Amino acid sequence: MRFYCTTIKTKLFLPTFFALFFSFFAKAQTSTSSPYSRFGPGRLENTGYASNMAMGGCYTAYQNDTLIPLFINQGNPASYATNRITTFEIGGRASSTNFTSNSDGSVKKVNSGFNYISLAVPIKRNMGLAFGLLPFSNVGYNSTTYGNVDSVGQVQYNYKGTGGINQAFMGFAIRPFEKSLRSFYRTNRYKALRDSSEYRIIRHKKFWLRALSSLSLGTNINFLYGTIDYYSYAYYPYNYGTVFNTKQYTETIVHDAYFQGGAQMAFDIDSIGKRDLKNNIKIILGYSVSLPKKVSATQTEVGYTFSSQSNGIEQPFDTFAYKPSYKGSINIPLMHSIGIGIKSGDKLTILLDGGFQQWSKYSFFGDNQKLRDLYKGSIGIQYLPSRTAIGTLAYLKRINYRIGARYNTGYIVLNDKSISEYAFSAGIGLPAGGGRFKLFTMLNISAEYGVYGTTQNNLIQEKYYRFVLGLTFNDRWFIKTRYD
C-alpha cells in the first residue's frame, strides 16, 4: 500500500514575497542622471539579473539544467520550462557615473535603488510559470543652456526630467515534445536493434529526438506602468519683482501591456555515441522577440509664467497653456535577439548574444524623435571549478566565476555622432548552503565598467561603474513523500 503526503513550504515565504512585490510595484524605479535619458522612453535598462549581467548581459541562450541552484531568466521566457524547483530572485544596484564634456569639465553622480524581484514555479515536469517586476527605462536629467534674446539679454534655459517606466511580467513556458524521447526509448524496435548493425540509424534518430524534446517555447505578458515628468524653464534677467519667467510641465502616465516570446533548444554533441555526460558538450540555441506595440498613455500639459521669490519659491502669475488628461500612445518598437550557448559539462559556459531593435519606428504622442535602429552584441563566460568539491579550499572551487563584455550602437544621433555604449563586466556567485529538501541560496555579485556617449562635437561622455547585488533562493515547496 502507498501513502502520499504533500508539504507546502509557503506559510512565511508567500506573504513576504507579495509584500515586497506590491511595495516594488508602487516604487520600482531606479534613478539615472544621464542627459541622454531625455530621448526616447529614457535610459533603457539592461535585460537580466545579477548573474547574467556579470556575463555581458547575455540572456537569449541562458538556460537552467538539472544542477542546483537554478535561476530566473526573464529575458527569454522559454527558459521557465527548465525550472525544476521554486526559484525566487531579488536584487538591487548602485552606480557611480562621471559626466565629461570638453566645454564644461566633469561632474560625478551616484545613483542606487531596488532593481528586481521575481518568482518562478514549475507546474509540471515540462512546464514553468514566472512573474515579477523590474525597470524598463529611467528618466533623470537636469541640463542648463544660455541664449541671447533681443531687447532682453541673456536668458537661462533649464530642462529637467524625472521618473521612468517599469514592467510587471507574467510568463509561461512549455516543452511540448519532451515525452518524445522517453516514448522512443520504450519502443520494442529500439530495444531490439540497439545492439545490431542498424543501431547507427537509431542512434541518429535518438539525437534529433533529444534536440526536439528539449525545445521549449515561452511567452511573457509585460505590463508597462509608470510616470515620466518633463520640465522646461526660461529665466529672464533682472526679473526680481516682475513676471517674466516661464515654466512648462508635461506629465505622461504609461499603462498598457505588450507581448514577448522566446524559444530555446539544446542538444549534447557527445550524446550521439557516449553515455558519459560528465564532459559532454552541450549546445543551446535561443531566440527572443518583443512585438511592436502602441502603448496607451495619458498626458497632461501645463504652462505658466512666474516670478522667483527671494526664498526660492515660485509665484505663479498667468497660465498660458493647459491641456489635461488627453490620451495618446508611445510606439514601442520590434526587438529581436538570437543567442548561442556552449557548455562543457557543468564547469564551463560560454554565451553569445546578438540583437536588433527597430527604434526608427519609435514615436511619443505622434513625435517620431528621429531615432535610429539599434544593434547590439555581447559575450559572457562562466566557470565553476568543481560543484562537489570537498576538503581544503573546497568553497573557492564551488564559486561561480563570471566575465563578459557588451556593445550597442545606441539609438540616438546628436551633432552627427552616434551615442553608442560598450561595457566590461565581471562577477561571482557565492553558494550559501543547501541540501536535499532544503533551501538553496546563492549570492550573486556583479560589477561593470562602461562608457556611454562621446565628448566629440560638444557632447557628453559618461563613464560609469555599476554594481548589482542579487540573491537567488531555490526551495522545494511541494514534496511528495511515498511509503510502500
Protein backbone atom coordinates (compact mmCIF):
# COMPACT_ATOMS: atom_id res chain seq x y z
CA MET A 1 0.00 0.00 0.00
CA ARG A 2 1.25 3.53 -0.80
CA PHE A 3 0.62 6.68 1.13
CA TYR A 4 1.33 10.20 -0.12
CA CYS A 5 1.78 13.41 1.78
CA THR A 6 2.39 16.92 0.48
CA THR A 7 4.41 19.53 2.33
CA ILE A 8 3.96 23.18 1.31
CA LYS A 9 6.74 25.48 2.49
CA THR A 10 5.00 28.77 1.83
CA LYS A 11 3.45 29.98 5.06
CA LEU A 12 6.05 32.69 5.67
CA PHE A 13 7.58 33.00 2.22
CA LEU A 14 4.45 33.90 0.22
CA PRO A 15 3.31 36.81 2.45
CA THR A 16 6.85 38.17 2.43
CA PHE A 17 7.09 37.87 -1.36
CA PHE A 18 3.80 39.60 -2.05
CA ALA A 19 4.57 42.38 0.44
CA LEU A 20 7.81 43.07 -1.42
CA PHE A 21 6.03 42.62 -4.77
CA PHE A 22 3.41 45.28 -4.15
CA SER A 23 5.81 47.71 -2.46
CA PHE A 24 8.06 47.37 -5.51
CA PHE A 25 5.01 47.86 -7.77
CA ALA A 26 4.47 51.22 -6.10
CA LYS A 27 8.09 52.39 -6.32
CA ALA A 28 10.10 50.14 -8.55
CA GLN A 29 12.04 52.79 -10.39
CA THR A 30 15.74 53.21 -10.00
CA SER A 31 17.20 56.59 -10.91
CA THR A 32 19.60 57.86 -13.55
CA SER A 33 21.38 61.15 -14.11
CA SER A 34 22.07 60.65 -17.82
CA PRO A 35 21.32 63.68 -20.05
CA TYR A 36 20.58 61.17 -22.83
CA SER A 37 17.56 59.91 -20.87
CA ARG A 38 15.80 62.93 -22.37
CA PHE A 39 15.37 60.96 -25.63
CA GLY A 40 13.11 58.04 -26.41
CA PRO A 41 11.44 56.40 -23.39
CA GLY A 42 14.50 57.22 -21.29
CA ARG A 43 17.68 55.34 -20.45
CA LEU A 44 16.90 51.71 -21.30
CA GLU A 45 17.64 49.20 -18.57
CA ASN A 46 19.77 46.17 -19.34
CA THR A 47 17.86 42.92 -19.59
CA GLY A 48 18.72 40.38 -16.92
CA TYR A 49 19.58 39.92 -13.28
CA ALA A 50 22.85 39.90 -11.37
CA SER A 51 24.08 36.53 -12.65
CA ASN A 52 23.79 37.18 -16.38
CA MET A 53 24.66 40.88 -16.05
CA ALA A 54 28.11 39.71 -14.96
CA MET A 55 28.30 37.83 -18.29
CA GLY A 56 27.82 40.86 -20.53
CA GLY A 57 24.05 40.75 -20.13
CA CYS A 58 23.71 37.58 -22.24
CA TYR A 59 20.30 36.01 -21.80
CA THR A 60 18.92 34.59 -25.08
CA ALA A 61 20.52 31.12 -24.73
CA TYR A 62 20.90 31.24 -20.93
CA GLN A 63 19.17 28.13 -19.62
CA ASN A 64 18.87 26.10 -16.45
CA ASP A 65 19.99 22.50 -16.35
CA THR A 66 19.32 19.90 -13.67
CA LEU A 67 22.05 21.29 -11.41
CA ILE A 68 21.07 23.44 -8.44
CA PRO A 69 20.93 26.37 -7.82
CA LEU A 70 18.57 27.39 -10.60
CA PHE A 71 17.87 30.96 -11.71
CA ILE A 72 15.22 33.04 -13.48
CA ASN A 73 15.92 34.31 -17.00
CA GLN A 74 13.22 36.90 -17.68
CA GLY A 75 14.89 37.93 -20.95
CA ASN A 76 13.87 34.69 -22.68
CA PRO A 77 10.61 33.28 -21.28
CA ALA A 78 11.31 29.88 -22.90
CA SER A 79 13.80 29.24 -20.07
CA TYR A 80 11.00 28.89 -17.49
CA ALA A 81 10.31 25.36 -18.71
CA THR A 82 13.67 24.19 -17.30
CA ASN A 83 12.99 25.33 -13.72
CA ARG A 84 12.50 22.15 -11.66
CA ILE A 85 12.01 23.76 -8.24
CA THR A 86 10.65 27.06 -6.95
CA THR A 87 13.07 29.93 -7.56
CA PHE A 88 12.97 33.41 -6.05
CA GLU A 89 15.28 36.28 -7.06
CA ILE A 90 15.70 39.76 -5.66
CA GLY A 91 18.33 42.38 -6.36
CA GLY A 92 19.44 45.99 -6.14
CA ARG A 93 22.09 48.13 -7.75
CA ALA A 94 24.32 51.14 -7.26
CA SER A 95 26.24 53.16 -9.83
CA SER A 96 28.80 55.94 -9.91
CA THR A 97 28.98 57.96 -13.14
CA ASN A 98 31.44 60.60 -14.27
CA PHE A 99 29.99 63.00 -16.88
CA THR A 100 32.59 64.74 -19.03
CA SER A 101 32.41 67.40 -21.75
CA ASN A 102 35.15 69.40 -23.44
CA SER A 103 33.48 72.70 -22.59
CA ASP A 104 32.13 72.20 -19.05
CA GLY A 105 34.63 69.82 -17.45
CA SER A 106 33.26 66.89 -15.46
CA VAL A 107 30.80 66.10 -12.70
CA LYS A 108 30.18 62.93 -10.71
CA LYS A 109 26.78 61.44 -9.80
CA VAL A 110 25.85 58.44 -7.64
CA ASN A 111 22.57 56.53 -8.01
CA SER A 112 21.19 53.45 -6.32
CA GLY A 113 17.94 51.59 -5.96
CA PHE A 114 15.93 48.40 -5.68
CA ASN A 115 16.19 46.66 -9.06
CA TYR A 116 14.12 43.49 -9.49
CA ILE A 117 12.03 40.85 -7.78
CA SER A 118 10.83 37.62 -9.42
CA LEU A 119 9.38 34.21 -8.64
CA ALA A 120 9.37 31.10 -10.85
CA VAL A 121 7.36 27.95 -10.11
CA PRO A 122 7.38 24.64 -12.00
CA ILE A 123 3.91 23.43 -12.97
CA LYS A 124 4.80 20.02 -14.38
CA ARG A 125 8.00 18.37 -15.47
CA ASN A 126 7.84 20.23 -18.78
CA MET A 127 6.08 23.47 -17.78
CA GLY A 128 7.02 26.56 -15.81
CA LEU A 129 5.48 29.83 -14.66
CA ALA A 130 7.22 33.05 -13.62
CA PHE A 131 6.26 36.58 -12.67
CA GLY A 132 7.98 39.63 -11.26
CA LEU A 133 8.85 43.31 -11.52
CA LEU A 134 11.81 45.23 -12.94
CA PRO A 135 12.53 48.61 -14.56
CA PHE A 136 12.11 49.13 -18.31
CA SER A 137 13.61 52.63 -18.60
CA ASN A 138 14.58 55.57 -16.41
CA VAL A 139 14.47 59.32 -16.92
CA GLY A 140 16.61 61.62 -14.79
CA TYR A 141 18.40 64.63 -16.25
CA ASN A 142 18.98 68.30 -15.40
CA SER A 143 20.68 70.47 -18.01
CA THR A 144 21.14 74.22 -18.48
CA THR A 145 21.83 76.30 -21.58
CA TYR A 146 22.01 80.05 -22.27
CA GLY A 147 20.81 82.19 -25.17
CA ASN A 148 20.60 85.89 -26.03
CA VAL A 149 17.19 87.41 -26.72
CA ASP A 150 16.91 90.82 -28.40
CA SER A 151 16.00 93.68 -26.06
CA VAL A 152 16.02 91.27 -23.10
CA GLY A 153 19.57 89.97 -22.77
CA GLN A 154 20.86 86.57 -21.75
CA VAL A 155 18.18 84.01 -20.92
CA GLN A 156 18.84 80.84 -18.93
CA TYR A 157 17.03 77.70 -20.10
CA ASN A 158 16.74 74.77 -17.73
CA TYR A 159 15.46 71.28 -18.70
CA LYS A 160 14.61 68.55 -16.21
CA GLY A 161 13.18 65.07 -16.44
CA THR A 162 12.26 62.55 -13.76
CA GLY A 163 10.50 59.19 -13.47
CA GLY A 164 10.54 56.20 -15.77
CA ILE A 165 8.71 53.13 -16.97
CA ASN A 166 8.55 49.85 -15.05
CA GLN A 167 7.31 46.47 -16.14
CA ALA A 168 5.42 43.76 -14.33
CA PHE A 169 5.59 40.45 -16.17
CA MET A 170 3.94 37.06 -16.06
CA GLY A 171 5.31 34.28 -18.23
CA PHE A 172 4.64 30.68 -19.14
CA ALA A 173 6.81 28.11 -20.91
CA ILE A 174 6.40 24.54 -22.08
CA ARG A 175 8.49 21.79 -23.70
CA PRO A 176 5.74 20.30 -25.92
CA PHE A 177 7.81 17.38 -27.23
CA GLU A 178 9.61 16.33 -24.06
CA LYS A 179 7.86 12.94 -23.98
CA SER A 180 9.04 12.06 -27.49
CA LEU A 181 12.44 10.76 -26.36
CA ARG A 182 11.05 8.76 -23.42
CA SER A 183 8.50 7.14 -25.73
CA PHE A 184 11.24 6.32 -28.21
CA TYR A 185 13.31 4.55 -25.53
CA ARG A 186 10.33 2.35 -24.67
CA THR A 187 9.67 1.13 -28.21
CA ASN A 188 10.34 -2.55 -28.87
CA ARG A 189 12.14 -1.62 -32.09
CA TYR A 190 14.72 0.45 -30.20
CA LYS A 191 15.28 -2.27 -27.60
CA ALA A 192 15.69 -4.96 -30.24
CA LEU A 193 18.03 -3.05 -32.53
CA ARG A 194 20.21 -1.08 -30.15
CA ASP A 195 22.92 -3.76 -30.32
CA SER A 196 22.54 -4.54 -34.02
CA SER A 197 24.11 -3.10 -37.16
CA GLU A 198 21.04 -0.88 -37.60
CA TYR A 199 21.74 0.89 -34.32
CA ARG A 200 23.62 3.64 -36.14
CA ILE A 201 20.36 4.76 -37.74
CA ILE A 202 18.55 4.51 -34.44
CA ARG A 203 21.35 6.46 -32.74
CA HIS A 204 20.99 9.40 -35.11
CA LYS A 205 17.24 9.35 -34.70
CA LYS A 206 17.80 9.44 -30.97
CA PHE A 207 20.00 12.53 -31.38
CA TRP A 208 17.30 14.51 -33.19
CA LEU A 209 14.63 13.33 -30.78
CA ARG A 210 16.77 14.61 -27.91
CA ALA A 211 17.01 18.00 -29.60
CA LEU A 212 13.28 18.09 -30.33
CA SER A 213 12.35 17.02 -26.82
CA SER A 214 14.46 19.88 -25.43
CA LEU A 215 12.61 22.53 -27.46
CA SER A 216 10.95 24.99 -25.11
CA LEU A 217 8.53 27.75 -26.07
CA GLY A 218 7.55 30.61 -23.80
CA THR A 219 5.80 33.93 -23.62
CA ASN A 220 5.71 36.93 -21.29
CA ILE A 221 2.86 39.36 -20.84
CA ASN A 222 4.63 42.56 -19.82
CA PHE A 223 2.53 45.30 -18.24
CA LEU A 224 4.21 48.70 -18.54
CA TYR A 225 3.40 51.35 -15.98
CA GLY A 226 4.98 54.50 -14.65
CA THR A 227 5.09 58.28 -14.83
CA ILE A 228 7.54 60.49 -16.71
CA ASP A 229 7.69 64.22 -15.90
CA TYR A 230 9.35 66.79 -18.17
CA TYR A 231 10.07 70.38 -17.09
CA SER A 232 11.22 73.32 -19.18
CA TYR A 233 12.15 76.67 -17.58
CA ALA A 234 13.14 80.04 -19.03
CA TYR A 235 14.71 82.52 -16.57
CA TYR A 236 14.91 86.10 -17.79
CA PRO A 237 17.46 88.62 -16.44
CA TYR A 238 16.69 91.35 -13.91
CA ASN A 239 13.27 89.97 -13.24
CA TYR A 240 13.06 90.14 -9.44
CA GLY A 241 9.63 91.50 -8.62
CA THR A 242 8.43 91.20 -12.22
CA VAL A 243 6.83 88.35 -14.12
CA PHE A 244 8.98 87.10 -17.00
CA ASN A 245 9.99 83.56 -16.13
CA THR A 246 8.11 80.70 -17.78
CA LYS A 247 7.59 77.09 -16.84
CA GLN A 248 6.18 74.27 -18.99
CA TYR A 249 5.40 70.96 -17.40
CA THR A 250 4.34 67.67 -19.03
CA GLU A 251 3.27 64.59 -17.10
CA THR A 252 2.96 61.29 -19.00
CA ILE A 253 1.36 58.26 -17.35
CA VAL A 254 2.00 54.92 -19.07
CA HIS A 255 -0.37 51.96 -18.61
CA ASP A 256 -0.52 49.12 -21.11
CA ALA A 257 0.75 45.62 -21.93
CA TYR A 258 2.89 44.13 -24.66
CA PHE A 259 3.94 40.58 -25.52
CA GLN A 260 7.30 38.88 -25.63
CA GLY A 261 8.05 35.40 -26.95
CA GLY A 262 11.01 33.07 -26.88
CA ALA A 263 12.33 29.67 -27.88
CA GLN A 264 15.29 27.53 -26.80
CA MET A 265 16.67 24.20 -28.00
CA ALA A 266 19.59 22.21 -26.60
CA PHE A 267 21.47 19.09 -27.63
CA ASP A 268 24.55 17.20 -26.45
CA ILE A 269 27.17 16.63 -29.12
CA ASP A 270 28.65 13.61 -27.32
CA SER A 271 25.26 12.06 -26.69
CA ILE A 272 25.28 10.52 -30.19
CA GLY A 273 27.72 7.84 -29.16
CA LYS A 274 28.59 8.30 -25.49
CA ARG A 275 26.72 7.69 -22.28
CA ASP A 276 29.16 9.57 -20.02
CA LEU A 277 27.61 13.03 -19.70
CA LYS A 278 30.27 14.43 -17.37
CA ASN A 279 32.26 16.06 -20.16
CA ASN A 280 29.52 16.40 -22.76
CA ILE A 281 29.49 19.47 -24.96
CA LYS A 282 26.01 20.97 -24.79
CA ILE A 283 24.84 23.44 -27.42
CA ILE A 284 21.92 25.75 -26.62
CA LEU A 285 20.20 27.85 -29.30
CA GLY A 286 17.91 30.70 -28.29
CA TYR A 287 15.64 33.32 -29.81
CA SER A 288 13.65 36.09 -28.15
CA VAL A 289 11.30 38.67 -29.67
CA SER A 290 9.28 41.57 -28.28
CA LEU A 291 6.44 42.50 -30.58
CA PRO A 292 5.87 46.16 -31.55
CA LYS A 293 3.11 47.83 -29.60
CA LYS A 294 1.32 51.18 -29.36
CA VAL A 295 1.37 51.55 -25.60
CA SER A 296 -1.52 53.61 -24.24
CA ALA A 297 -0.61 56.67 -22.20
CA THR A 298 -2.25 59.76 -20.72
CA GLN A 299 -0.61 63.17 -20.79
CA THR A 300 -1.21 66.49 -19.05
CA GLU A 301 0.43 69.76 -20.14
CA VAL A 302 0.65 72.95 -18.09
CA GLY A 303 2.45 76.22 -18.92
CA TYR A 304 2.53 79.42 -16.86
CA THR A 305 4.61 82.48 -16.05
CA PHE A 306 6.01 83.05 -12.59
CA SER A 307 8.30 85.21 -10.53
CA SER A 308 11.06 83.89 -8.30
CA GLN A 309 10.88 84.95 -4.68
CA SER A 310 13.97 85.58 -2.59
CA ASN A 311 13.35 82.32 -0.72
CA GLY A 312 13.35 80.36 -3.99
CA ILE A 313 9.60 79.74 -4.09
CA GLU A 314 7.82 80.19 -7.43
CA GLN A 315 4.98 82.70 -7.50
CA PRO A 316 2.65 81.74 -10.41
CA PHE A 317 1.19 84.61 -12.36
CA ASP A 318 -0.60 83.66 -15.57
CA THR A 319 -1.39 80.31 -17.22
CA PHE A 320 -0.76 80.31 -20.96
CA ALA A 321 -1.22 76.57 -21.66
CA TYR A 322 -3.38 73.90 -20.06
CA LYS A 323 -4.31 70.56 -21.60
CA PRO A 324 -5.40 67.99 -19.01
CA SER A 325 -5.51 64.19 -19.32
CA TYR A 326 -5.54 63.67 -23.05
CA LYS A 327 -4.88 60.20 -24.40
CA GLY A 328 -2.19 59.12 -26.82
CA SER A 329 0.32 56.35 -27.37
CA ILE A 330 4.01 55.51 -27.26
CA ASN A 331 5.20 53.21 -30.03
CA ILE A 332 7.45 50.52 -28.53
CA PRO A 333 9.40 49.00 -31.46
CA LEU A 334 10.11 45.46 -32.55
CA MET A 335 13.06 43.87 -30.69
CA HIS A 336 14.86 40.67 -31.72
CA SER A 337 17.62 38.71 -30.02
CA ILE A 338 19.40 35.49 -31.02
CA GLY A 339 21.92 33.59 -28.97
CA ILE A 340 24.05 30.50 -28.67
CA GLY A 341 25.35 28.84 -25.55
CA ILE A 342 28.14 26.28 -25.27
CA LYS A 343 28.53 24.24 -22.09
CA SER A 344 31.29 21.81 -21.24
CA GLY A 345 29.89 19.55 -18.56
CA ASP A 346 28.96 21.62 -15.51
CA LYS A 347 32.21 23.60 -15.47
CA LEU A 348 32.36 25.98 -18.42
CA THR A 349 29.58 28.02 -20.03
CA ILE A 350 30.08 30.39 -22.97
CA LEU A 351 27.24 32.64 -24.14
CA LEU A 352 26.98 34.77 -27.28
CA ASP A 353 24.12 37.19 -27.98
CA GLY A 354 23.20 39.44 -30.88
CA GLY A 355 20.20 41.75 -31.14
CA PHE A 356 18.31 44.27 -33.26
CA GLN A 357 15.81 46.89 -32.10
CA GLN A 358 13.80 48.97 -34.59
CA TRP A 359 13.86 52.34 -32.79
CA SER A 360 13.43 54.23 -36.07
CA LYS A 361 9.72 53.33 -35.69
CA TYR A 362 9.50 54.82 -32.19
CA SER A 363 7.16 57.73 -31.58
CA PHE A 364 5.99 59.58 -28.48
CA PHE A 365 2.48 61.02 -28.81
CA GLY A 366 2.99 61.34 -32.57
CA ASP A 367 6.53 62.75 -32.30
CA ASN A 368 8.93 60.45 -34.17
CA GLN A 369 12.06 61.92 -32.47
CA LYS A 370 14.20 60.65 -35.39
CA LEU A 371 15.85 57.82 -33.51
CA ARG A 372 17.77 55.11 -35.36
CA ASP A 373 17.77 51.32 -35.23
CA LEU A 374 19.94 49.76 -32.54
CA TYR A 375 22.27 46.79 -32.96
CA LYS A 376 23.92 45.04 -30.04
CA GLY A 377 26.22 42.15 -29.22
CA SER A 378 27.55 40.55 -26.05
CA ILE A 379 29.66 37.67 -24.81
CA GLY A 380 29.74 36.01 -21.41
CA ILE A 381 31.72 33.23 -19.74
CA GLN A 382 31.05 31.34 -16.52
CA TYR A 383 33.49 28.92 -14.91
CA LEU A 384 32.80 26.59 -12.00
CA PRO A 385 35.92 24.66 -10.87
CA SER A 386 34.05 21.91 -9.00
CA ARG A 387 30.43 21.85 -7.91
CA THR A 388 31.01 18.98 -5.44
CA ALA A 389 34.45 19.93 -4.11
CA ILE A 390 35.28 18.96 -0.53
CA GLY A 391 38.32 19.47 1.65
CA THR A 392 40.86 22.32 1.65
CA LEU A 393 39.80 25.36 -0.42
CA ALA A 394 36.62 23.50 -1.40
CA TYR A 395 34.45 26.59 -1.07
CA LEU A 396 36.59 28.55 -3.55
CA LYS A 397 36.14 25.72 -6.03
CA ARG A 398 32.35 25.87 -5.69
CA ILE A 399 32.15 29.58 -6.56
CA ASN A 400 30.83 30.57 -9.99
CA TYR A 401 33.29 32.94 -11.71
CA ARG A 402 31.86 35.15 -14.49
CA ILE A 403 33.16 37.69 -17.00
CA GLY A 404 31.61 39.40 -20.01
CA ALA A 405 31.53 42.30 -22.45
CA ARG A 406 28.83 44.04 -24.47
CA TYR A 407 28.39 46.73 -27.12
CA ASN A 408 25.46 48.53 -28.70
CA THR A 409 25.25 51.22 -31.37
CA GLY A 410 22.63 53.19 -29.44
CA TYR A 411 19.52 54.73 -30.95
CA ILE A 412 20.44 58.40 -30.50
CA VAL A 413 22.31 60.55 -33.06
CA LEU A 414 23.32 64.07 -31.93
CA ASN A 415 25.56 66.54 -33.76
CA ASP A 416 26.26 63.84 -36.38
CA LYS A 417 27.58 61.47 -33.70
CA SER A 418 26.08 58.16 -32.61
CA ILE A 419 25.63 57.77 -28.85
CA SER A 420 26.95 54.23 -28.57
CA GLU A 421 27.89 52.21 -25.49
CA TYR A 422 30.36 49.49 -24.51
CA ALA A 423 31.00 47.81 -21.18
CA PHE A 424 33.07 45.11 -19.48
CA SER A 425 31.75 43.09 -16.57
CA ALA A 426 32.78 40.51 -14.00
CA GLY A 427 31.14 38.79 -11.08
CA ILE A 428 30.89 35.81 -8.80
CA GLY A 429 28.15 33.55 -7.50
CA LEU A 430 28.68 32.59 -3.87
CA PRO A 431 26.85 29.41 -2.77
CA ALA A 432 25.28 29.67 0.67
CA GLY A 433 24.37 26.15 1.67
CA GLY A 434 21.57 23.82 0.74
CA GLY A 435 20.80 20.14 0.60
CA ARG A 436 18.08 17.62 -0.04
CA PHE A 437 14.65 19.24 0.56
CA LYS A 438 16.39 22.36 1.93
CA LEU A 439 16.69 25.93 0.74
CA PHE A 440 19.45 26.54 -1.81
CA THR A 441 20.83 30.08 -1.80
CA MET A 442 23.35 31.92 -3.94
CA LEU A 443 24.63 35.45 -3.54
CA ASN A 444 25.35 36.95 -6.98
CA ILE A 445 27.66 39.95 -7.22
CA SER A 446 28.42 41.71 -10.50
CA ALA A 447 30.49 44.77 -11.37
CA GLU A 448 30.53 46.61 -14.67
CA TYR A 449 32.60 49.40 -16.17
CA GLY A 450 31.07 51.15 -19.17
CA VAL A 451 31.41 54.13 -21.49
CA TYR A 452 28.34 55.79 -22.99
CA GLY A 453 28.45 58.67 -25.47
CA THR A 454 31.38 60.81 -26.62
CA THR A 455 32.98 64.19 -25.91
CA GLN A 456 33.30 64.96 -29.62
CA ASN A 457 31.17 67.68 -31.23
CA ASN A 458 30.43 69.29 -27.87
CA LEU A 459 28.67 66.19 -26.49
CA ILE A 460 28.83 64.49 -23.09
CA GLN A 461 30.51 61.19 -22.30
CA GLU A 462 29.50 59.00 -19.38
CA LYS A 463 31.97 56.66 -17.72
CA TYR A 464 30.30 54.56 -15.07
CA TYR A 465 30.84 51.82 -12.55
CA ARG A 466 27.75 49.76 -11.82
CA PHE A 467 27.36 47.18 -9.07
CA VAL A 468 24.49 44.71 -8.81
CA LEU A 469 23.81 42.54 -5.79
CA GLY A 470 21.30 39.74 -6.14
CA LEU A 471 20.04 36.83 -4.08
CA THR A 472 18.76 33.59 -5.58
CA PHE A 473 16.72 31.20 -3.46
CA ASN A 474 15.73 27.68 -4.53
CA ASP A 475 13.36 25.59 -2.47
CA ARG A 476 11.11 22.54 -2.85
CA TRP A 477 7.70 23.88 -1.98
CA PHE A 478 5.77 20.74 -2.91
CA ILE A 479 7.34 17.49 -1.71
CA LYS A 480 5.60 14.22 -2.40
CA THR A 481 6.74 11.52 0.00
CA ARG A 482 5.92 7.91 -0.84
CA TYR A 483 5.74 4.98 1.57
CA ASP A 484 5.42 1.35 0.47
